């Protein structure tokens, strides 16, 4: 009887470790960190208006604050304020890169107006 219980305990432990490994692999925050290390684009959003979205592009991490408002037909996200917590990561980011990021944001939130915070907005004022 003890041997059967021990075998069941081992089977449950193996199932638990497989489940934990699966949850680790598909974790979107981990995918965001990997994309930042590889300097590729990744958009992480939980589709919850109360939660900010994160995106990474060329190794820089951006955070977007969503603000709810009204459109002609419904309540939608109408303003998105994009900032970065580490301006040192912006080295190598050009105006075209910011236009690409803005286009990707507008794919997810077509009714939104994207506002860039300091120091990102300085690239649009300096010509």
N, C-alpha and C. Protein backbone atom coordinates (compact mmCIF):
# COMPACT_ATOMS: atom_id res chain seq x y z
N UNK A 1 0.82 -1.20 0.00
CA UNK A 1 0.00 0.00 0.00
C UNK A 1 0.86 1.26 0.00
N UNK A 2 1.92 1.27 0.75
CA UNK A 2 2.82 2.43 0.82
C UNK A 2 3.49 2.64 -0.53
N UNK A 3 3.81 1.57 -1.21
CA UNK A 3 4.47 1.68 -2.52
C UNK A 3 3.52 2.33 -3.52
N UNK A 4 2.26 1.99 -3.49
CA UNK A 4 1.27 2.58 -4.40
C UNK A 4 1.11 4.08 -4.11
N UNK A 5 1.05 4.45 -2.85
CA UNK A 5 0.94 5.87 -2.49
C UNK A 5 2.20 6.64 -2.91
N UNK A 6 3.35 6.02 -2.74
CA UNK A 6 4.60 6.65 -3.14
C UNK A 6 4.63 6.85 -4.66
N UNK A 7 4.16 5.86 -5.42
CA UNK A 7 4.11 5.99 -6.88
C UNK A 7 3.14 7.09 -7.29
N UNK A 8 2.00 7.19 -6.63
CA UNK A 8 1.04 8.26 -6.93
C UNK A 8 1.64 9.63 -6.62
N UNK A 9 2.36 9.70 -5.51
CA UNK A 9 3.02 10.96 -5.16
C UNK A 9 4.05 11.35 -6.22
N UNK A 10 4.81 10.42 -6.73
CA UNK A 10 5.79 10.70 -7.78
C UNK A 10 5.09 11.14 -9.07
N UNK A 11 3.99 10.51 -9.42
CA UNK A 11 3.24 10.88 -10.62
C UNK A 11 2.68 12.29 -10.49
N UNK A 12 2.13 12.62 -9.32
CA UNK A 12 1.61 13.98 -9.10
C UNK A 12 2.75 15.01 -9.14
N UNK A 13 3.90 14.67 -8.62
CA UNK A 13 5.04 15.58 -8.65
C UNK A 13 5.51 15.82 -10.08
N UNK A 14 5.54 14.76 -10.89
CA UNK A 14 5.94 14.90 -12.30
C UNK A 14 4.93 15.77 -13.05
N UNK A 15 3.65 15.56 -12.83
CA UNK A 15 2.61 16.37 -13.48
C UNK A 15 2.74 17.83 -13.05
N UNK A 16 3.00 18.05 -11.76
CA UNK A 16 3.15 19.43 -11.27
C UNK A 16 4.34 20.11 -11.93
N UNK A 17 5.47 19.43 -12.06
CA UNK A 17 6.66 20.03 -12.68
C UNK A 17 6.44 20.30 -14.16
N UNK A 18 5.74 19.43 -14.84
CA UNK A 18 5.42 19.66 -16.26
C UNK A 18 4.52 20.88 -16.40
N UNK A 19 3.52 20.98 -15.53
CA UNK A 19 2.62 22.14 -15.55
C UNK A 19 3.38 23.44 -15.25
N UNK A 20 4.25 23.42 -14.25
CA UNK A 20 5.04 24.61 -13.90
C UNK A 20 5.96 25.01 -15.04
N UNK A 21 6.57 24.05 -15.71
CA UNK A 21 7.45 24.35 -16.84
C UNK A 21 6.65 24.95 -17.99
N UNK A 22 5.47 24.42 -18.24
CA UNK A 22 4.61 24.96 -19.30
C UNK A 22 4.22 26.40 -19.00
N UNK A 23 3.81 26.68 -17.78
CA UNK A 23 3.42 28.04 -17.39
C UNK A 23 4.60 29.00 -17.51
N UNK A 24 5.80 28.52 -17.21
CA UNK A 24 6.98 29.36 -17.33
C UNK A 24 7.29 29.67 -18.79
N UNK A 25 7.15 28.69 -19.65
CA UNK A 25 7.48 28.86 -21.07
C UNK A 25 6.51 29.82 -21.76
N UNK A 26 5.22 29.74 -21.45
CA UNK A 26 4.23 30.57 -22.13
C UNK A 26 3.96 31.89 -21.42
N UNK A 27 4.71 32.23 -20.40
CA UNK A 27 4.53 33.47 -19.67
C UNK A 27 4.86 34.67 -20.57
N UNK A 28 3.91 35.59 -20.78
CA UNK A 28 4.16 36.71 -21.68
C UNK A 28 5.23 37.68 -21.16
N UNK A 29 5.37 37.80 -19.86
CA UNK A 29 6.42 38.68 -19.32
C UNK A 29 7.80 38.13 -19.68
N UNK A 30 7.94 36.82 -19.66
CA UNK A 30 9.21 36.21 -20.04
C UNK A 30 9.48 36.44 -21.52
N UNK A 31 8.43 36.34 -22.34
CA UNK A 31 8.59 36.60 -23.78
C UNK A 31 8.99 38.06 -24.02
N UNK A 32 8.46 38.97 -23.20
CA UNK A 32 8.83 40.37 -23.31
C UNK A 32 10.31 40.57 -22.99
N UNK A 33 10.79 39.92 -21.94
CA UNK A 33 12.20 40.03 -21.56
C UNK A 33 13.12 39.44 -22.63
N UNK A 34 12.71 38.32 -23.21
CA UNK A 34 13.51 37.70 -24.28
C UNK A 34 13.55 38.61 -25.50
N UNK A 35 12.41 39.20 -25.86
CA UNK A 35 12.37 40.11 -27.01
C UNK A 35 13.24 41.34 -26.75
N UNK A 36 13.28 41.82 -25.52
CA UNK A 36 14.13 42.97 -25.20
C UNK A 36 15.60 42.59 -25.31
N UNK A 37 15.96 41.41 -24.86
CA UNK A 37 17.35 40.96 -24.97
C UNK A 37 17.75 40.76 -26.43
N UNK A 38 16.83 40.26 -27.25
CA UNK A 38 17.11 40.02 -28.67
C UNK A 38 16.93 41.27 -29.53
N UNK A 39 16.51 42.37 -28.90
CA UNK A 39 16.24 43.64 -29.57
C UNK A 39 15.23 43.49 -30.70
N UNK A 40 14.17 42.77 -30.43
CA UNK A 40 13.09 42.61 -31.39
C UNK A 40 11.83 43.28 -30.83
N UNK A 41 10.76 43.25 -31.62
CA UNK A 41 9.51 43.89 -31.22
C UNK A 41 8.61 42.88 -30.52
N UNK A 42 8.02 43.31 -29.39
CA UNK A 42 7.01 42.49 -28.71
C UNK A 42 6.05 43.43 -28.01
N UNK A 43 4.76 43.17 -28.16
CA UNK A 43 3.69 43.98 -27.58
C UNK A 43 2.98 43.13 -26.53
N UNK A 44 3.02 43.56 -25.26
CA UNK A 44 2.38 42.83 -24.17
C UNK A 44 1.26 43.67 -23.60
N UNK A 45 0.03 43.18 -23.77
CA UNK A 45 -1.14 43.91 -23.28
C UNK A 45 -2.16 42.90 -22.81
N UNK A 46 -2.76 43.17 -21.69
CA UNK A 46 -3.78 42.27 -21.13
C UNK A 46 -5.19 42.66 -21.56
N UNK A 47 -5.30 43.63 -22.45
CA UNK A 47 -6.60 44.11 -22.96
C UNK A 47 -7.50 44.64 -21.85
N UNK A 48 -6.92 45.00 -20.72
CA UNK A 48 -7.64 45.59 -19.61
C UNK A 48 -7.32 47.08 -19.62
N UNK A 49 -8.34 47.92 -19.65
CA UNK A 49 -8.12 49.36 -19.76
C UNK A 49 -7.40 49.90 -18.53
N UNK A 50 -7.60 49.27 -17.41
CA UNK A 50 -6.97 49.76 -16.17
C UNK A 50 -5.49 49.43 -16.10
N UNK A 51 -5.02 48.48 -16.90
CA UNK A 51 -3.61 48.08 -16.85
C UNK A 51 -2.86 48.65 -18.04
N UNK A 52 -1.67 49.13 -17.78
CA UNK A 52 -0.82 49.67 -18.84
C UNK A 52 -0.28 48.53 -19.70
N UNK A 53 0.09 48.86 -20.93
CA UNK A 53 0.72 47.85 -21.78
C UNK A 53 2.22 48.13 -21.84
N UNK A 54 2.96 47.10 -22.16
CA UNK A 54 4.41 47.20 -22.31
C UNK A 54 4.77 46.76 -23.72
N UNK A 55 5.76 47.40 -24.29
CA UNK A 55 6.27 46.94 -25.56
C UNK A 55 7.77 47.20 -25.60
N UNK A 56 8.44 46.36 -26.35
CA UNK A 56 9.87 46.52 -26.50
C UNK A 56 10.20 46.55 -27.98
N UNK A 57 11.17 47.39 -28.30
CA UNK A 57 11.62 47.52 -29.68
C UNK A 57 13.07 47.98 -29.66
N UNK A 58 13.92 47.27 -30.36
CA UNK A 58 15.35 47.56 -30.42
C UNK A 58 15.97 47.67 -29.03
N UNK A 59 15.53 46.84 -28.11
CA UNK A 59 16.11 46.80 -26.78
C UNK A 59 15.57 47.83 -25.81
N UNK A 60 14.72 48.72 -26.27
CA UNK A 60 14.12 49.74 -25.40
C UNK A 60 12.75 49.28 -24.93
N UNK A 61 12.47 49.50 -23.67
CA UNK A 61 11.18 49.11 -23.09
C UNK A 61 10.31 50.35 -22.96
N UNK A 62 9.12 50.30 -23.54
CA UNK A 62 8.16 51.40 -23.49
C UNK A 62 6.95 50.97 -22.70
N UNK A 63 6.33 51.93 -22.01
CA UNK A 63 5.10 51.67 -21.27
C UNK A 63 4.04 52.64 -21.75
N UNK A 64 2.85 52.12 -22.01
CA UNK A 64 1.76 52.95 -22.49
C UNK A 64 0.62 52.97 -21.50
N UNK A 65 0.23 54.18 -21.10
CA UNK A 65 -0.93 54.36 -20.23
C UNK A 65 -2.16 54.58 -21.09
N UNK A 66 -3.20 53.82 -20.81
CA UNK A 66 -4.43 53.91 -21.60
C UNK A 66 -5.46 54.75 -20.85
N UNK A 67 -6.13 55.62 -21.59
CA UNK A 67 -7.17 56.45 -21.02
C UNK A 67 -8.47 56.22 -21.79
N UNK A 68 -9.50 55.91 -21.06
CA UNK A 68 -10.81 55.60 -21.65
C UNK A 68 -11.57 56.89 -21.94
N UNK A 69 -12.27 56.90 -23.05
CA UNK A 69 -13.09 58.04 -23.43
C UNK A 69 -14.21 57.56 -24.35
N UNK A 70 -14.94 58.50 -24.88
CA UNK A 70 -16.05 58.14 -25.75
C UNK A 70 -15.72 58.46 -27.20
N UNK A 71 -16.19 57.56 -28.06
CA UNK A 71 -16.16 57.81 -29.50
C UNK A 71 -17.59 58.03 -29.92
N UNK A 72 -17.83 58.04 -31.20
CA UNK A 72 -19.20 58.27 -31.69
C UNK A 72 -20.14 57.13 -31.31
N UNK A 73 -19.59 55.92 -31.17
CA UNK A 73 -20.48 54.77 -30.96
C UNK A 73 -20.31 54.06 -29.63
N UNK A 74 -19.15 54.21 -28.97
CA UNK A 74 -18.91 53.41 -27.76
C UNK A 74 -17.81 54.04 -26.92
N UNK A 75 -17.58 53.43 -25.76
CA UNK A 75 -16.44 53.80 -24.94
C UNK A 75 -15.23 53.04 -25.44
N UNK A 76 -14.18 53.76 -25.71
CA UNK A 76 -12.95 53.17 -26.26
C UNK A 76 -11.75 53.83 -25.60
N UNK A 77 -10.59 53.25 -25.81
CA UNK A 77 -9.35 53.89 -25.41
C UNK A 77 -9.10 55.01 -26.42
N UNK A 78 -9.10 56.27 -25.94
CA UNK A 78 -8.97 57.40 -26.86
C UNK A 78 -7.61 58.08 -26.76
N UNK A 79 -6.89 57.87 -25.67
CA UNK A 79 -5.58 58.49 -25.51
C UNK A 79 -4.62 57.47 -24.93
N UNK A 80 -3.43 57.43 -25.48
CA UNK A 80 -2.38 56.57 -24.96
C UNK A 80 -1.14 57.42 -24.79
N UNK A 81 -0.60 57.40 -23.59
CA UNK A 81 0.60 58.15 -23.27
C UNK A 81 1.76 57.17 -23.14
N UNK A 82 2.75 57.32 -24.02
CA UNK A 82 3.86 56.37 -24.08
C UNK A 82 5.10 57.01 -23.45
N UNK A 83 5.73 56.25 -22.55
CA UNK A 83 6.95 56.73 -21.90
C UNK A 83 7.92 55.58 -21.74
N UNK A 84 9.10 55.91 -21.26
CA UNK A 84 10.09 54.90 -20.95
C UNK A 84 10.66 55.21 -19.58
N UNK A 85 10.94 54.19 -18.81
CA UNK A 85 11.49 54.42 -17.48
C UNK A 85 13.01 54.53 -17.51
N UNK A 86 13.63 54.08 -18.60
CA UNK A 86 15.08 54.12 -18.72
C UNK A 86 15.45 54.80 -20.04
N UNK A 87 15.67 56.12 -20.02
CA UNK A 87 15.98 56.83 -21.27
C UNK A 87 17.30 56.39 -21.91
N UNK A 88 18.18 55.76 -21.15
CA UNK A 88 19.45 55.29 -21.73
C UNK A 88 19.23 54.22 -22.79
N UNK A 89 18.10 53.53 -22.75
CA UNK A 89 17.80 52.49 -23.73
C UNK A 89 17.40 53.06 -25.08
N UNK A 90 17.16 54.36 -25.15
CA UNK A 90 16.68 54.97 -26.39
C UNK A 90 17.79 55.22 -27.41
N UNK A 91 19.01 54.87 -27.07
CA UNK A 91 20.12 55.07 -28.00
C UNK A 91 19.88 54.25 -29.25
N UNK A 92 19.88 54.90 -30.40
CA UNK A 92 19.67 54.21 -31.67
C UNK A 92 18.24 54.23 -32.15
N UNK A 93 17.32 54.73 -31.35
CA UNK A 93 15.91 54.81 -31.76
C UNK A 93 15.73 56.07 -32.60
N UNK A 94 15.20 55.91 -33.80
CA UNK A 94 15.01 57.04 -34.71
C UNK A 94 13.53 57.42 -34.78
N UNK A 95 13.27 58.47 -35.50
CA UNK A 95 11.89 58.94 -35.68
C UNK A 95 11.06 57.88 -36.42
N UNK A 96 11.67 57.20 -37.40
CA UNK A 96 10.96 56.15 -38.13
C UNK A 96 10.60 54.98 -37.21
N UNK A 97 11.46 54.68 -36.26
CA UNK A 97 11.16 53.63 -35.29
C UNK A 97 9.95 54.01 -34.44
N UNK A 98 9.87 55.27 -34.05
CA UNK A 98 8.73 55.72 -33.25
C UNK A 98 7.44 55.69 -34.08
N UNK A 99 7.55 55.99 -35.37
CA UNK A 99 6.37 55.88 -36.24
C UNK A 99 5.92 54.42 -36.35
N UNK A 100 6.87 53.50 -36.42
CA UNK A 100 6.54 52.07 -36.44
C UNK A 100 5.83 51.66 -35.15
N UNK A 101 6.34 52.11 -34.02
CA UNK A 101 5.72 51.79 -32.73
C UNK A 101 4.31 52.36 -32.66
N UNK A 102 4.15 53.60 -33.12
CA UNK A 102 2.84 54.23 -33.11
C UNK A 102 1.86 53.47 -34.00
N UNK A 103 2.34 53.00 -35.16
CA UNK A 103 1.48 52.22 -36.06
C UNK A 103 1.03 50.92 -35.39
N UNK A 104 1.94 50.26 -34.69
CA UNK A 104 1.60 49.02 -34.00
C UNK A 104 0.60 49.26 -32.87
N UNK A 105 0.74 50.38 -32.16
CA UNK A 105 -0.21 50.71 -31.10
C UNK A 105 -1.59 50.96 -31.71
N UNK A 106 -1.62 51.66 -32.83
CA UNK A 106 -2.91 51.98 -33.46
C UNK A 106 -3.58 50.75 -34.06
N UNK A 107 -2.82 49.70 -34.32
CA UNK A 107 -3.44 48.44 -34.75
C UNK A 107 -4.29 47.87 -33.62
N UNK A 108 -3.78 47.96 -32.40
CA UNK A 108 -4.51 47.43 -31.24
C UNK A 108 -5.59 48.39 -30.75
N UNK A 109 -5.35 49.69 -30.87
CA UNK A 109 -6.29 50.70 -30.40
C UNK A 109 -6.50 51.74 -31.51
N UNK A 110 -7.38 51.44 -32.46
CA UNK A 110 -7.52 52.31 -33.65
C UNK A 110 -8.10 53.69 -33.36
N UNK A 111 -8.81 53.87 -32.26
CA UNK A 111 -9.42 55.16 -31.96
C UNK A 111 -8.54 56.04 -31.08
N UNK A 112 -7.36 55.57 -30.75
CA UNK A 112 -6.51 56.27 -29.79
C UNK A 112 -5.63 57.31 -30.47
N UNK A 113 -5.29 58.32 -29.69
CA UNK A 113 -4.30 59.32 -30.09
C UNK A 113 -3.08 59.04 -29.23
N UNK A 114 -1.94 58.86 -29.86
CA UNK A 114 -0.71 58.51 -29.14
C UNK A 114 0.03 59.78 -28.77
N UNK A 115 0.33 59.91 -27.48
CA UNK A 115 1.12 61.04 -26.99
C UNK A 115 2.42 60.50 -26.43
N UNK A 116 3.52 61.14 -26.79
CA UNK A 116 4.84 60.71 -26.34
C UNK A 116 5.27 61.61 -25.20
N UNK A 117 5.81 61.00 -24.16
CA UNK A 117 6.31 61.77 -23.02
C UNK A 117 7.79 62.06 -23.16
N UNK A 118 8.26 62.98 -22.32
CA UNK A 118 9.67 63.35 -22.30
C UNK A 118 10.51 62.14 -21.94
N UNK A 119 11.60 61.87 -22.51
CA UNK A 119 12.39 62.58 -23.53
C UNK A 119 12.06 62.16 -24.96
N UNK A 120 11.08 61.27 -25.12
CA UNK A 120 10.77 60.77 -26.46
C UNK A 120 10.20 61.87 -27.35
N UNK A 121 9.36 62.73 -26.78
CA UNK A 121 8.71 63.75 -27.60
C UNK A 121 9.69 64.80 -28.13
N UNK A 122 10.89 64.87 -27.55
CA UNK A 122 11.88 65.83 -28.04
C UNK A 122 12.34 65.49 -29.46
N UNK A 123 12.27 64.25 -29.86
CA UNK A 123 12.70 63.88 -31.22
C UNK A 123 11.75 64.45 -32.26
N UNK A 124 10.48 64.69 -31.86
CA UNK A 124 9.53 65.26 -32.79
C UNK A 124 9.64 66.78 -32.87
N UNK A 125 10.11 67.41 -31.79
CA UNK A 125 10.24 68.87 -31.81
C UNK A 125 11.58 69.32 -32.37
N UNK A 126 12.63 68.49 -32.22
CA UNK A 126 13.95 68.83 -32.77
C UNK A 126 14.02 68.37 -34.22
N UNK A 127 14.24 69.29 -35.12
CA UNK A 127 14.32 68.94 -36.53
C UNK A 127 15.63 69.33 -37.11
